[in-house]
Amino acid sequence: MIVLLNLGKGHQLELQSLKRRIDKICAGHAHVEMNDLDRALKEMASEGLVLIQDRTVQLTERGIRLGEEWRKLLLKKDPVIEVVAGLADGSVTGLVVVLSAFIAGLATNVAAFAAFLTLTSVAITNFSSFMLGGITEDLADMINLRALMDYSLSDIPDKSERDKSLALVKHLFTVLHREIGRANLEAAAICGMTTFLAGSMPIVAYLTLPSPLDIVLSLSLVGAIVGVFLVRYRSKKTRVHWKVTLFETIVIVAIAVLASLLLGRSA
């Protein structure tokens, strides 16, 4: 797993360099012998995951794909949920703020203060939710994954090899915990920044442009964010036809905006 995560697409490493990198990652947690690394690489080569030539190692296409899947699973290198949540929450917040200010006829300075306060609170809430939720979810996933790996390793007949493998798995997840924590911070930051940017564009347009250009351009920006960026991104990642994704997105955004406006009117 460490080899797959550390060897990127097209990268070649000498075996000694790979050994030093693994020792650095596992420093203070586990010690990997060169014989163990050679044996693991030979097994990976037999499975078509790596190519070993002249004491250098490189991932095959199959190994690159498997490494990417591990990266997505453990290190959240493909922040789909974060971007979708940021675009959706930001666009809904921006639309609600613009419509509320337009219907209430708020002065520019009052509308600007309310908009900044609302958008900042939503962005911070998204950041903290993804940070805490990501840590909790990843810890649960790591516990389940480690249990599955421990179960698969328990079939090794040699007791010393089995104990060594189980110890390496234990230390591996200790090392990964550090990397996953960093990935969670990056994911939370992506969600918070996407929320703020998606919401700030229609609000800034509404506050700075003259009427009626302000409301027209603001609604157009929300439509572009939802109809182009959000729908296209969701359709690409889920591999669902864009018309289905567009319908789902419009319904969800419409319900969220109407609910927010009705609650604001009754408050």
Protein backbone atom coordinates (compact mmCIF):
# COMPACT_ATOMS: atom_id res chain seq x y z
CA MET A 1 0.00 0.00 0.00
CA ILE A 2 2.83 2.41 0.86
CA VAL A 3 4.51 1.65 -2.48
CA LEU A 4 1.28 2.34 -4.37
CA LEU A 5 0.69 5.60 -2.51
CA ASN A 6 4.24 6.88 -3.00
CA LEU A 7 4.86 5.97 -6.62
CA GLY A 8 2.92 8.33 -8.86
CA LYS A 9 2.19 8.14 -12.56
CA GLY A 10 5.39 7.83 -14.59
CA HIS A 11 7.66 8.08 -11.55
CA GLN A 12 10.68 5.79 -11.27
CA LEU A 13 12.58 5.16 -8.06
CA GLU A 14 15.69 3.20 -7.27
CA LEU A 15 15.09 0.46 -4.74
CA GLN A 16 17.37 2.12 -2.20
CA SER A 17 15.52 5.43 -2.60
CA LEU A 18 12.21 3.65 -2.15
CA LYS A 19 13.56 1.89 0.93
CA ARG A 20 14.69 5.23 2.44
CA ARG A 21 11.29 6.75 1.72
CA ILE A 22 9.50 3.84 3.40
CA ASP A 23 11.85 4.06 6.40
CA LYS A 24 11.09 7.78 6.66
CA ILE A 25 7.34 7.16 6.58
CA CYS A 26 7.54 4.34 9.13
CA ALA A 27 10.14 6.06 11.37
CA GLY A 28 9.46 5.24 15.00
CA HIS A 29 6.66 2.83 14.10
CA ALA A 30 8.10 -0.11 12.17
CA HIS A 31 11.29 -1.35 10.51
CA VAL A 32 11.12 -2.86 7.04
CA GLU A 33 14.01 -5.07 5.95
CA MET A 34 15.31 -4.89 2.38
CA ASN A 35 14.46 -8.58 1.96
CA ASP A 36 10.84 -7.83 2.91
CA LEU A 37 10.70 -5.01 0.35
CA ASP A 38 12.22 -7.21 -2.38
CA ARG A 39 9.72 -9.97 -1.66
CA ALA A 40 6.79 -7.54 -1.67
CA LEU A 41 7.91 -5.98 -4.95
CA LYS A 42 8.30 -9.39 -6.58
CA GLU A 43 4.75 -10.27 -5.54
CA MET A 44 3.50 -6.94 -6.91
CA ALA A 45 5.41 -7.55 -10.16
CA SER A 46 3.84 -11.00 -10.52
CA GLU A 47 0.42 -9.36 -10.12
CA GLY A 48 1.23 -6.80 -12.81
CA LEU A 49 1.34 -3.79 -10.47
CA VAL A 50 5.00 -2.75 -10.82
CA LEU A 51 7.90 -3.06 -13.26
CA ILE A 52 11.38 -3.72 -11.87
CA GLN A 53 14.31 -2.97 -14.18
CA ASP A 54 17.95 -2.30 -13.29
CA ARG A 55 17.18 -1.90 -9.58
CA THR A 56 14.49 0.69 -10.31
CA VAL A 57 10.75 0.27 -9.74
CA GLN A 58 7.85 1.85 -11.60
CA LEU A 59 4.09 1.39 -11.43
CA THR A 60 2.26 -0.22 -14.34
CA GLU A 61 -1.04 1.16 -15.62
CA ARG A 62 -2.83 -1.29 -13.36
CA GLY A 63 -0.72 -0.22 -10.40
CA ILE A 64 -1.40 3.47 -11.12
CA ARG A 65 -5.15 2.83 -11.18
CA LEU A 66 -5.01 0.85 -7.93
CA GLY A 67 -2.88 3.54 -6.28
CA GLU A 68 -5.37 6.22 -7.30
CA GLU A 69 -8.21 4.19 -5.80
CA TRP A 70 -6.32 3.88 -2.49
CA ARG A 71 -5.60 7.62 -2.57
CA LYS A 72 -9.27 8.42 -3.09
CA LEU A 73 -10.31 6.00 -0.34
CA LEU A 74 -7.78 6.95 2.32
CA LEU A 75 -6.52 10.44 1.51
CA LYS A 76 -9.54 12.04 -0.20
CA LYS A 77 -7.57 13.11 -3.25
CA ASP A 78 -10.80 13.52 -5.22
CA PRO A 79 -12.89 15.99 -3.16
CA VAL A 80 -16.26 15.36 -4.85
CA ILE A 81 -18.47 15.87 -1.78
CA GLU A 82 -16.57 18.97 -0.69
CA VAL A 83 -16.91 20.75 -4.04
CA VAL A 84 -20.56 19.74 -4.52
CA ALA A 85 -21.49 20.84 -0.98
CA GLY A 86 -19.57 24.10 -1.36
CA LEU A 87 -21.16 24.99 -4.71
CA ALA A 88 -24.66 24.02 -3.54
CA ASP A 89 -24.53 25.77 -0.15
CA GLY A 90 -22.78 28.84 -1.54
CA SER A 91 -25.21 29.30 -4.43
CA VAL A 92 -28.27 28.74 -2.20
CA THR A 93 -26.94 31.20 0.39
CA GLY A 94 -26.14 33.78 -2.27
CA LEU A 95 -29.58 33.41 -3.87
CA VAL A 96 -31.41 33.67 -0.53
CA VAL A 97 -29.43 36.77 0.48
CA VAL A 98 -30.02 38.50 -2.88
CA LEU A 99 -33.74 37.72 -2.97
CA SER A 100 -34.19 38.70 0.68
CA ALA A 101 -32.41 42.04 0.17
CA PHE A 102 -34.37 42.68 -3.03
CA ILE A 103 -37.79 41.86 -1.53
CA ALA A 104 -37.11 43.80 1.68
CA GLY A 105 -35.53 46.72 -0.16
CA LEU A 106 -32.56 46.85 2.22
CA ALA A 107 -30.02 49.65 2.00
CA THR A 108 -26.65 48.71 0.52
CA ASN A 109 -24.69 48.94 3.79
CA VAL A 110 -27.28 46.88 5.72
CA ALA A 111 -27.50 44.29 2.94
CA ALA A 112 -23.69 44.07 2.73
CA PHE A 113 -23.36 43.49 6.50
CA ALA A 114 -26.13 40.84 6.54
CA ALA A 115 -24.71 39.14 3.45
CA PHE A 116 -21.15 38.98 4.79
CA LEU A 117 -22.36 37.66 8.17
CA THR A 118 -24.60 35.01 6.61
CA LEU A 119 -22.11 33.80 4.03
CA THR A 120 -19.21 33.69 6.51
CA SER A 121 -21.26 31.69 9.02
CA VAL A 122 -22.28 29.16 6.34
CA ALA A 123 -18.67 28.79 5.11
CA ILE A 124 -17.33 28.33 8.66
CA THR A 125 -20.11 25.84 9.44
CA ASN A 126 -19.23 23.82 6.34
CA PHE A 127 -15.54 23.90 7.25
CA SER A 128 -16.11 22.66 10.81
CA SER A 129 -18.70 20.08 9.72
CA PHE A 130 -16.41 18.54 7.11
CA MET A 131 -13.44 18.65 9.48
CA LEU A 132 -15.18 16.90 12.38
CA GLY A 133 -17.34 14.67 10.18
CA GLY A 134 -14.36 13.66 8.05
CA ILE A 135 -12.28 12.70 11.07
CA THR A 136 -15.13 10.62 12.53
CA GLU A 137 -15.94 8.93 9.23
CA ASP A 138 -12.30 8.16 8.41
CA LEU A 139 -11.64 6.68 11.85
CA ALA A 140 -14.63 4.37 11.41
CA ASP A 141 -13.46 3.40 7.90
CA MET A 142 -9.93 2.75 9.14
CA ILE A 143 -11.21 0.50 11.94
CA ASN A 144 -13.27 -1.53 9.46
CA LEU A 145 -10.43 -1.69 6.90
CA ARG A 146 -7.90 -2.72 9.51
CA ALA A 147 -10.24 -5.46 10.77
CA LEU A 148 -10.56 -6.81 7.21
CA MET A 149 -6.79 -6.71 6.66
CA ASP A 150 -6.13 -8.39 10.02
CA TYR A 151 -8.59 -11.13 9.09
CA SER A 152 -6.94 -11.70 5.69
CA LEU A 153 -3.45 -11.81 7.25
CA SER A 154 -4.52 -14.30 9.92
CA ASP A 155 -4.44 -17.03 7.24
CA ILE A 156 -0.63 -16.84 6.95
CA PRO A 157 0.60 -20.24 8.23
CA ASP A 158 3.99 -19.09 9.55
CA LYS A 159 3.40 -17.56 13.01
CA SER A 160 6.42 -15.25 12.96
CA GLU A 161 5.55 -13.93 9.49
CA ARG A 162 1.92 -13.54 10.52
CA ASP A 163 2.81 -11.59 13.67
CA LYS A 164 5.22 -9.40 11.71
CA SER A 165 2.58 -8.67 9.07
CA LEU A 166 -0.03 -7.82 11.70
CA ALA A 167 2.44 -5.48 13.43
CA LEU A 168 3.20 -3.75 10.12
CA VAL A 169 -0.52 -3.27 9.46
CA LYS A 170 -0.93 -1.74 12.92
CA HIS A 171 1.93 0.70 12.35
CA LEU A 172 0.76 1.41 8.81
CA PHE A 173 -2.56 2.73 10.07
CA THR A 174 -0.77 4.81 12.69
CA VAL A 175 1.21 6.44 9.88
CA LEU A 176 -1.86 6.83 7.67
CA HIS A 177 -3.77 8.53 10.48
CA ARG A 178 -1.38 11.49 10.18
CA GLU A 179 -1.83 11.73 6.41
CA ILE A 180 -5.61 11.36 6.66
CA GLY A 181 -5.76 14.18 9.22
CA ARG A 182 -3.95 16.45 6.76
CA ALA A 183 -6.29 15.36 3.96
CA ASN A 184 -9.32 16.16 6.15
CA LEU A 185 -8.01 19.66 6.77
CA GLU A 186 -7.53 20.21 3.03
CA ALA A 187 -11.03 18.86 2.28
CA ALA A 188 -12.64 21.12 4.90
CA ALA A 189 -10.73 24.13 3.54
CA ILE A 190 -11.86 23.31 -0.03
CA CYS A 191 -15.50 23.10 1.08
CA GLY A 192 -15.34 26.37 3.07
CA MET A 193 -13.59 28.31 0.30
CA THR A 194 -15.91 26.94 -2.41
CA THR A 195 -18.94 27.91 -0.32
CA PHE A 196 -17.68 31.45 0.21
CA LEU A 197 -16.67 32.00 -3.43
CA ALA A 198 -19.89 30.55 -4.88
CA GLY A 199 -22.00 32.71 -2.59
CA SER A 200 -19.97 35.90 -2.77
CA MET A 201 -20.10 36.35 -6.57
CA PRO A 202 -23.90 36.97 -6.90
CA ILE A 203 -23.91 39.01 -3.68
CA VAL A 204 -21.09 41.29 -4.82
CA ALA A 205 -22.80 41.74 -8.20
CA TYR A 206 -26.08 42.70 -6.50
CA LEU A 207 -24.45 45.18 -4.12
CA THR A 208 -22.21 46.93 -6.63
CA LEU A 209 -24.30 47.20 -9.81
CA PRO A 210 -27.16 49.62 -10.49
CA SER A 211 -30.78 48.48 -10.65
CA PRO A 212 -32.16 46.51 -12.50
CA LEU A 213 -28.82 45.13 -13.73
CA ASP A 214 -27.93 44.06 -10.17
CA ILE A 215 -30.74 41.52 -9.69
CA VAL A 216 -30.52 40.26 -13.29
CA LEU A 217 -26.78 39.61 -13.17
CA SER A 218 -26.95 38.12 -9.66
CA LEU A 219 -29.60 35.61 -10.67
CA SER A 220 -27.65 34.86 -13.85
CA LEU A 221 -24.52 34.13 -11.81
CA VAL A 222 -26.45 31.78 -9.53
CA GLY A 223 -27.89 30.07 -12.59
CA ALA A 224 -24.40 29.69 -14.06
CA ILE A 225 -22.95 28.29 -10.83
CA VAL A 226 -25.80 25.82 -10.37
CA GLY A 227 -26.57 25.03 -14.00
CA VAL A 228 -23.05 24.84 -15.38
CA PHE A 229 -20.44 24.23 -12.68
CA LEU A 230 -22.47 22.21 -10.15
CA VAL A 231 -24.48 20.16 -12.64
CA ARG A 232 -21.49 19.52 -14.92
CA TYR A 233 -19.28 18.51 -11.99
CA ARG A 234 -21.91 16.17 -10.51
CA SER A 235 -22.71 14.65 -13.90
CA LYS A 236 -19.03 14.02 -14.65
CA LYS A 237 -18.26 12.45 -11.28
CA THR A 238 -21.44 10.34 -10.98
CA ARG A 239 -21.54 9.47 -14.72
CA VAL A 240 -25.26 10.27 -14.78
CA HIS A 241 -26.80 12.12 -17.74
CA TRP A 242 -26.65 15.87 -17.22
CA LYS A 243 -30.42 16.28 -17.73
CA VAL A 244 -31.15 14.01 -14.76
CA THR A 245 -28.54 15.80 -12.66
CA LEU A 246 -29.93 19.20 -13.72
CA PHE A 247 -33.47 18.26 -12.70
CA GLU A 248 -32.32 16.91 -9.31
CA THR A 249 -30.20 19.99 -8.64
CA ILE A 250 -32.95 22.48 -9.57
CA VAL A 251 -35.49 20.71 -7.34
CA ILE A 252 -33.12 20.60 -4.35
CA VAL A 253 -32.01 24.23 -4.73
CA ALA A 254 -35.61 25.43 -5.24
CA ILE A 255 -36.82 23.63 -2.11
CA ALA A 256 -33.91 24.99 -0.06
CA VAL A 257 -34.46 28.58 -1.25
CA LEU A 258 -38.24 28.51 -0.75
CA ALA A 259 -37.87 27.01 2.72
CA SER A 260 -35.32 29.68 3.69
CA LEU A 261 -37.50 32.52 2.39
CA LEU A 262 -40.64 31.20 4.10
CA LEU A 263 -38.80 30.77 7.42
CA GLY A 264 -37.36 34.27 7.09
CA ARG A 265 -40.81 35.73 6.38
CA SER A 266 -42.41 34.01 9.36
CA ALA A 267 -39.58 34.96 11.76
